[in-house]
PDB file of N, CA and C in Angstrom:
ATOM      1  N   MET A   1      60.588 135.007 153.640  1.00  0.00           N
ATOM      2  CA  MET A   1      60.084 133.658 153.701  1.00  0.00           C
ATOM      3  C   MET A   1      59.034 133.401 152.608  1.00  0.00           C
ATOM      4  N   ILE A   2      58.159 134.346 152.379  1.00  0.00           N
ATOM      5  CA  ILE A   2      57.150 134.204 151.337  1.00  0.00           C
ATOM      6  C   ILE A   2      57.820 134.166 149.967  1.00  0.00           C
ATOM      7  N   GLU A   3      58.855 135.002 149.803  1.00  0.00           N
ATOM      8  CA  GLU A   3      59.566 135.010 148.528  1.00  0.00           C
ATOM      9  C   GLU A   3      60.238 133.668 148.282  1.00  0.00           C
ATOM     10  N   THR A   4      60.804 133.081 149.290  1.00  0.00           N
ATOM     11  CA  THR A   4      61.443 131.775 149.156  1.00  0.00           C
ATOM     12  C   THR A   4      60.411 130.721 148.774  1.00  0.00           C
ATOM     13  N   LEU A   5      59.261 130.765 149.415  1.00  0.00           N
ATOM     14  CA  LEU A   5      58.182 129.834 149.107  1.00  0.00           C
ATOM     15  C   LEU A   5      57.699 130.018 147.669  1.00  0.00           C
ATOM     16  N   LEU A   6      57.504 131.273 147.262  1.00  0.00           N
ATOM     17  CA  LEU A   6      57.080 131.544 145.887  1.00  0.00           C
ATOM     18  C   LEU A   6      58.123 131.072 144.878  1.00  0.00           C
ATOM     19  N   GLN A   7      59.384 131.289 145.198  1.00  0.00           N
ATOM     20  CA  GLN A   7      60.472 130.846 144.319  1.00  0.00           C
ATOM     21  C   GLN A   7      60.443 129.323 144.175  1.00  0.00           C
ATOM     22  N   ALA A   8      60.252 128.619 145.278  1.00  0.00           N
ATOM     23  CA  ALA A   8      60.196 127.160 145.248  1.00  0.00           C
ATOM     24  C   ALA A   8      59.004 126.677 144.435  1.00  0.00           C
ATOM     25  N   ILE A   9      57.869 127.318 144.585  1.00  0.00           N
ATOM     26  CA  ILE A   9      56.673 126.942 143.824  1.00  0.00           C
ATOM     27  C   ILE A   9      56.906 127.177 142.331  1.00  0.00           C
ATOM     28  N   MET A  10      57.500 128.310 141.992  1.00  0.00           N
ATOM     29  CA  MET A  10      57.762 128.625 140.578  1.00  0.00           C
ATOM     30  C   MET A  10      58.722 127.603 139.960  1.00  0.00           C
ATOM     31  N   GLU A  11      59.717 127.191 140.724  1.00  0.00           N
ATOM     32  CA  GLU A  11      60.654 126.189 140.219  1.00  0.00           C
ATOM     33  C   GLU A  11      59.951 124.863 139.999  1.00  0.00           C
ATOM     34  N   GLN A  12      59.040 124.503 140.896  1.00  0.00           N
ATOM     35  CA  GLN A  12      58.297 123.253 140.753  1.00  0.00           C
ATOM     36  C   GLN A  12      57.374 123.290 139.537  1.00  0.00           C
ATOM     37  N   LEU A  13      56.814 124.447 139.254  1.00  0.00           N
ATOM     38  CA  LEU A  13      55.940 124.580 138.093  1.00  0.00           C
ATOM     39  C   LEU A  13      56.734 124.593 136.791  1.00  0.00           C
ATOM     40  N   ASP A  14      57.951 125.083 136.847  1.00  0.00           N
ATOM     41  CA  ASP A  14      58.777 125.207 135.646  1.00  0.00           C
ATOM     42  C   ASP A  14      59.300 123.847 135.177  1.00  0.00           C
ATOM     43  N   GLN A  15      59.542 122.922 136.092  1.00  0.00           N
ATOM     44  CA  GLN A  15      60.114 121.624 135.725  1.00  0.00           C
ATOM     45  C   GLN A  15      59.210 120.807 134.798  1.00  0.00           C
ATOM     46  N   PRO A  16      57.915 120.665 135.078  1.00  0.00           N
ATOM     47  CA  PRO A  16      57.072 119.913 134.124  1.00  0.00           C
ATOM     48  C   PRO A  16      57.065 120.547 132.733  1.00  0.00           C
ATOM     49  N   LYS A  17      57.132 121.862 132.683  1.00  0.00           N
ATOM     50  CA  LYS A  17      57.167 122.551 131.387  1.00  0.00           C
ATOM     51  C   LYS A  17      58.429 122.160 130.623  1.00  0.00           C
ATOM     52  N   LYS A  18      59.560 122.135 131.325  1.00  0.00           N
ATOM     53  CA  LYS A  18      60.824 121.745 130.677  1.00  0.00           C
ATOM     54  C   LYS A  18      60.779 120.287 130.233  1.00  0.00           C
ATOM     55  N   ASP A  19      60.216 119.421 131.079  1.00  0.00           N
ATOM     56  CA  ASP A  19      60.104 118.006 130.720  1.00  0.00           C
ATOM     57  C   ASP A  19      59.221 117.823 129.487  1.00  0.00           C
ATOM     58  N   LEU A  20      58.088 118.517 129.468  1.00  0.00           N
ATOM     59  CA  LEU A  20      57.179 118.428 128.328  1.00  0.00           C
ATOM     60  C   LEU A  20      57.858 118.925 127.055  1.00  0.00           C
ATOM     61  N   GLU A  21      58.552 120.039 127.165  1.00  0.00           N
ATOM     62  CA  GLU A  21      59.257 120.582 125.995  1.00  0.00           C
ATOM     63  C   GLU A  21      60.316 119.591 125.502  1.00  0.00           C
ATOM     64  N   HIS A  22      61.065 118.999 126.420  1.00  0.00           N
ATOM     65  CA  HIS A  22      62.097 118.024 126.051  1.00  0.00           C
ATOM     66  C   HIS A  22      61.462 116.820 125.348  1.00  0.00           C
ATOM     67  N   ASN A  23      60.365 116.311 125.908  1.00  0.00           N
ATOM     68  CA  ASN A  23      59.692 115.151 125.319  1.00  0.00           C
ATOM     69  C   ASN A  23      59.101 115.466 123.950  1.00  0.00           C
ATOM     70  N   LEU A  24      58.532 116.648 123.816  1.00  0.00           N
ATOM     71  CA  LEU A  24      57.964 117.033 122.520  1.00  0.00           C
ATOM     72  C   LEU A  24      59.050 117.186 121.461  1.00  0.00           C
ATOM     73  N   ARG A  25      60.185 117.761 121.854  1.00  0.00           N
ATOM     74  CA  ARG A  25      61.303 117.890 120.901  1.00  0.00           C
ATOM     75  C   ARG A  25      61.798 116.513 120.456  1.00  0.00           C
ATOM     76  N   ALA A  26      61.929 115.604 121.403  1.00  0.00           N
ATOM     77  CA  ALA A  26      62.382 114.251 121.069  1.00  0.00           C
ATOM     78  C   ALA A  26      61.387 113.569 120.128  1.00  0.00           C
ATOM     79  N   LEU A  27      60.103 113.706 120.410  1.00  0.00           N
ATOM     80  CA  LEU A  27      59.072 113.109 119.566  1.00  0.00           C
ATOM     81  C   LEU A  27      59.085 113.715 118.167  1.00  0.00           C
ATOM     82  N   LEU A  28      59.234 115.024 118.099  1.00  0.00           N
ATOM     83  CA  LEU A  28      59.286 115.698 116.809  1.00  0.00           C
ATOM     84  C   LEU A  28      60.503 115.259 115.995  1.00  0.00           C
ATOM     85  N   MET A  29      61.656 115.170 116.650  1.00  0.00           N
ATOM     86  CA  MET A  29      62.869 114.738 115.946  1.00  0.00           C
ATOM     87  C   MET A  29      62.725 113.306 115.435  1.00  0.00           C
ATOM     88  N   GLU A  30      62.120 112.439 116.235  1.00  0.00           N
ATOM     89  CA  GLU A  30      61.904 111.054 115.816  1.00  0.00           C
ATOM     90  C   GLU A  30      60.978 111.002 114.607  1.00  0.00           C
ATOM     91  N   THR A  31      59.929 111.805 114.625  1.00  0.00           N
ATOM     92  CA  THR A  31      58.977 111.839 113.517  1.00  0.00           C
ATOM     93  C   THR A  31      59.633 112.354 112.241  1.00  0.00           C
ATOM     94  N   VAL A  32      60.426 113.401 112.361  1.00  0.00           N
ATOM     95  CA  VAL A  32      61.120 113.954 111.191  1.00  0.00           C
ATOM     96  C   VAL A  32      62.096 112.931 110.626  1.00  0.00           C
ATOM     97  N   THR A  33      62.795 112.220 111.497  1.00  0.00           N
ATOM     98  CA  THR A  33      63.738 111.201 111.047  1.00  0.00           C
ATOM     99  C   THR A  33      63.013 110.099 110.283  1.00  0.00           C
ATOM    100  N   LYS A  34      61.862 109.685 110.756  1.00  0.00           N
ATOM    101  CA  LYS A  34      61.092 108.639 110.080  1.00  0.00           C
ATOM    102  C   LYS A  34      60.584 109.100 108.721  1.00  0.00           C
ATOM    103  N   MET A  35      60.401 110.407 108.553  1.00  0.00           N
ATOM    104  CA  MET A  35      59.879 110.932 107.295  1.00  0.00           C
ATOM    105  C   MET A  35      60.936 110.900 106.198  1.00  0.00           C
ATOM    106  N   ASP A  36      62.185 110.648 106.561  1.00  0.00           N
ATOM    107  CA  ASP A  36      63.277 110.539 105.595  1.00  0.00           C
ATOM    108  C   ASP A  36      63.384 111.798 104.733  1.00  0.00           C
ATOM    109  N   LEU A  37      63.454 112.935 105.387  1.00  0.00           N
ATOM    110  CA  LEU A  37      63.559 114.217 104.708  1.00  0.00           C
ATOM    111  C   LEU A  37      65.010 114.511 104.342  1.00  0.00           C
ATOM    112  N   VAL A  38      65.203 115.378 103.357  1.00  0.00           N
ATOM    113  CA  VAL A  38      66.546 115.815 102.989  1.00  0.00           C
ATOM    114  C   VAL A  38      66.656 117.314 103.224  1.00  0.00           C
ATOM    115  N   SER A  39      67.890 117.755 103.378  1.00  0.00           N
ATOM    116  CA  SER A  39      68.109 119.180 103.624  1.00  0.00           C
ATOM    117  C   SER A  39      67.930 119.972 102.337  1.00  0.00           C
ATOM    118  N   LYS A  40      67.761 121.263 102.478  1.00  0.00           N
ATOM    119  CA  LYS A  40      67.639 122.142 101.314  1.00  0.00           C
ATOM    120  C   LYS A  40      68.924 122.115 100.494  1.00  0.00           C
ATOM    121  N   ASP A  41      70.072 122.049 101.180  1.00  0.00           N
ATOM    122  CA  ASP A  41      71.351 121.983 100.468  1.00  0.00           C
ATOM    123  C   ASP A  41      71.430 120.738  99.589  1.00  0.00           C
ATOM    124  N   GLU A  42      71.011 119.601 100.137  1.00  0.00           N
ATOM    125  CA  GLU A  42      71.031 118.367  99.356  1.00  0.00           C
ATOM    126  C   GLU A  42      70.058 118.461  98.189  1.00  0.00           C
ATOM    127  N   LEU A  43      68.905 119.036  98.408  1.00  0.00           N
ATOM    128  CA  LEU A  43      67.930 119.218  97.339  1.00  0.00           C
ATOM    129  C   LEU A  43      68.505 120.116  96.240  1.00  0.00           C
ATOM    130  N   ASP A  44      69.186 121.184  96.626  1.00  0.00           N
ATOM    131  CA  ASP A  44      69.812 122.088  95.648  1.00  0.00           C
ATOM    132  C   ASP A  44      70.896 121.366  94.852  1.00  0.00           C
ATOM    133  N   ARG A  45      71.715 120.547  95.542  1.00  0.00           N
ATOM    134  CA  ARG A  45      72.762 119.794  94.838  1.00  0.00           C
ATOM    135  C   ARG A  45      72.155 118.823  93.834  1.00  0.00           C
ATOM    136  N   GLN A  46      71.082 118.154  94.234  1.00  0.00           N
ATOM    137  CA  GLN A  46      70.433 117.209  93.332  1.00  0.00           C
ATOM    138  C   GLN A  46      69.797 117.922  92.141  1.00  0.00           C
ATOM    139  N   LYS A  47      69.247 119.112  92.358  1.00  0.00           N
ATOM    140  CA  LYS A  47      68.656 119.889  91.266  1.00  0.00           C
ATOM    141  C   LYS A  47      69.736 120.289  90.261  1.00  0.00           C
ATOM    142  N   ILE A  48      70.897 120.723  90.758  1.00  0.00           N
ATOM    143  CA  ILE A  48      71.999 121.097  89.875  1.00  0.00           C
ATOM    144  C   ILE A  48      72.455 119.887  89.063  1.00  0.00           C
ATOM    145  N   ALA A  49      72.585 118.729  89.729  1.00  0.00           N
ATOM    146  CA  ALA A  49      73.007 117.518  89.027  1.00  0.00           C
ATOM    147  C   ALA A  49      71.984 117.136  87.956  1.00  0.00           C
ATOM    148  N   LEU A  50      70.706 117.248  88.278  1.00  0.00           N
ATOM    149  CA  LEU A  50      69.655 116.933  87.305  1.00  0.00           C
ATOM    150  C   LEU A  50      69.682 117.908  86.137  1.00  0.00           C
ATOM    151  N   ASP A  51      69.873 119.190  86.409  1.00  0.00           N
ATOM    152  CA  ASP A  51      69.960 120.188  85.338  1.00  0.00           C
ATOM    153  C   ASP A  51      71.142 119.887  84.426  1.00  0.00           C
ATOM    154  N   ASN A  52      72.284 119.528  85.014  1.00  0.00           N
ATOM    155  CA  ASN A  52      73.466 119.190  84.214  1.00  0.00           C
ATOM    156  C   ASN A  52      73.209 117.954  83.354  1.00  0.00           C
ATOM    157  N   ALA A  53      72.553 116.952  83.929  1.00  0.00           N
ATOM    158  CA  ALA A  53      72.238 115.740  83.173  1.00  0.00           C
ATOM    159  C   ALA A  53      71.282 116.058  82.024  1.00  0.00           C
ATOM    160  N   ASN A  54      70.301 116.924  82.268  1.00  0.00           N
ATOM    161  CA  ASN A  54      69.363 117.301  81.208  1.00  0.00           C
ATOM    162  C   ASN A  54      70.073 118.054  80.085  1.00  0.00           C
ATOM    163  N   GLU A  55      70.999 118.935  80.439  1.00  0.00           N
ATOM    164  CA  GLU A  55      71.768 119.655  79.416  1.00  0.00           C
ATOM    165  C   GLU A  55      72.581 118.682  78.567  1.00  0.00           C
ATOM    166  N   ARG A  56      73.212 117.717  79.235  1.00  0.00           N
ATOM    167  CA  ARG A  56      74.022 116.723  78.518  1.00  0.00           C
ATOM    168  C   ARG A  56      73.135 115.870  77.614  1.00  0.00           C
ATOM    169  N   LEU A  57      71.952 115.523  78.097  1.00  0.00           N
ATOM    170  CA  LEU A  57      71.012 114.735  77.304  1.00  0.00           C
ATOM    171  C   LEU A  57      70.600 115.492  76.049  1.00  0.00           C
ATOM    172  N   ILE A  58      70.339 116.777  76.177  1.00  0.00           N
ATOM    173  CA  ILE A  58      69.974 117.603  75.018  1.00  0.00           C
ATOM    174  C   ILE A  58      71.126 117.648  74.020  1.00  0.00           C
ATOM    175  N   GLU A  59      72.359 117.801  74.531  1.00  0.00           N
ATOM    176  CA  GLU A  59      73.538 117.804  73.653  1.00  0.00           C
ATOM    177  C   GLU A  59      73.642 116.486  72.884  1.00  0.00           C
ATOM    178  N   LEU A  60      73.451 115.376  73.597  1.00  0.00           N
ATOM    179  CA  LEU A  60      73.553 114.072  72.937  1.00  0.00           C
ATOM    180  C   LEU A  60      72.432 113.873  71.919  1.00  0.00           C
ATOM    181  N   GLN A  61      71.224 114.342  72.228  1.00  0.00           N
ATOM    182  CA  GLN A  61      70.122 114.240  71.275  1.00  0.00           C
ATOM    183  C   GLN A  61      70.422 115.053  70.021  1.00  0.00           C
ATOM    184  N   ASN A  62      71.002 116.223  70.195  1.00  0.00           N
ATOM    185  CA  ASN A  62      71.370 117.043  69.035  1.00  0.00           C
ATOM    186  C   ASN A  62      72.456 116.368  68.213  1.00  0.00           C
ATOM    187  N   GLN A  63      73.395 115.717  68.903  1.00  0.00           N
ATOM    188  CA  GLN A  63      74.451 114.991  68.198  1.00  0.00           C
ATOM    189  C   GLN A  63      73.847 113.853  67.379  1.00  0.00           C
ATOM    190  N   ILE A  64      72.897 113.145  67.950  1.00  0.00           N
ATOM    191  CA  ILE A  64      72.244 112.045  67.239  1.00  0.00           C
ATOM    192  C   ILE A  64      71.523 112.576  66.004  1.00  0.00           C
ATOM    193  N   LYS A  65      70.823 113.683  66.142  1.00  0.00           N
ATOM    194  CA  LYS A  65      70.128 114.273  64.996  1.00  0.00           C
ATOM    195  C   LYS A  65      71.108 114.652  63.895  1.00  0.00           C
ATOM    196  N   SER A  66      72.250 115.223  64.277  1.00  0.00           N
ATOM    197  CA  SER A  66      73.263 115.595  63.285  1.00  0.00           C
ATOM    198  C   SER A  66      73.805 114.365  62.569  1.00  0.00           C
ATOM    199  N   LEU A  67      74.078 113.311  63.327  1.00  0.00           N
ATOM    200  CA  LEU A  67      74.598 112.086  62.722  1.00  0.00           C
ATOM    201  C   LEU A  67      73.547 111.441  61.818  1.00  0.00           C
ATOM    202  N   GLU A  68      72.296 111.452  62.231  1.00  0.00           N
ATOM    203  CA  GLU A  68      71.228 110.911  61.383  1.00  0.00           C
ATOM    204  C   GLU A  68      71.105 111.711  60.091  1.00  0.00           C
ATOM    205  N   ALA A  69      71.246 113.024  60.200  1.00  0.00           N
ATOM    206  CA  ALA A  69      71.171 113.859  58.986  1.00  0.00           C
ATOM    207  C   ALA A  69      72.340 113.540  58.062  1.00  0.00           C
ATOM    208  N   LEU A  70      73.516 113.326  58.623  1.00  0.00           N
ATOM    209  CA  LEU A  70      74.685 112.949  57.808  1.00  0.00           C
ATOM    210  C   LEU A  70      74.454 111.626  57.094  1.00  0.00           C
ATOM    211  N   ILE A  71      73.897 110.669  57.799  1.00  0.00           N
ATOM    212  CA  ILE A  71      73.645 109.352  57.217  1.00  0.00           C
ATOM    213  C   ILE A  71      72.634 109.449  56.079  1.00  0.00           C
ATOM    214  N   GLN A  72      71.610 110.266  56.266  1.00  0.00           N
ATOM    215  CA  GLN A  72      70.576 110.407  55.234  1.00  0.00           C
ATOM    216  C   GLN A  72      71.113 111.111  53.992  1.00  0.00           C
ATOM    217  N   GLN A  73      72.124 111.943  54.167  1.00  0.00           N
ATOM    218  CA  GLN A  73      72.704 112.658  53.014  1.00  0.00           C
ATOM    219  C   GLN A  73      73.515 111.723  52.139  1.00  0.00           C
ATOM    220  N   LYS A  74      74.006 110.647  52.683  1.00  0.00           N
ATOM    221  CA  LYS A  74      74.878 109.731  51.922  1.00  0.00           C
ATOM    222  C   LYS A  74      74.096 108.764  51.105  1.00  0.00           C
TER     223      LYS A  74
END
């Protein structure tokens, strides 16, 4: 009988903890969503795209320099 009573008390104490944890998780998820964060994978993809664009920009700048040098030679 005492064990049953203790079990019931422990279950009653455990429920507010679960409710608090659930509410805190929901609040945290809402806050993260409002922060408009991106995943690491998306950040990595954007970094690769930026690196590729920078490489292409350097190539085009070198092409312009070559064409300018050709024009000056004429």
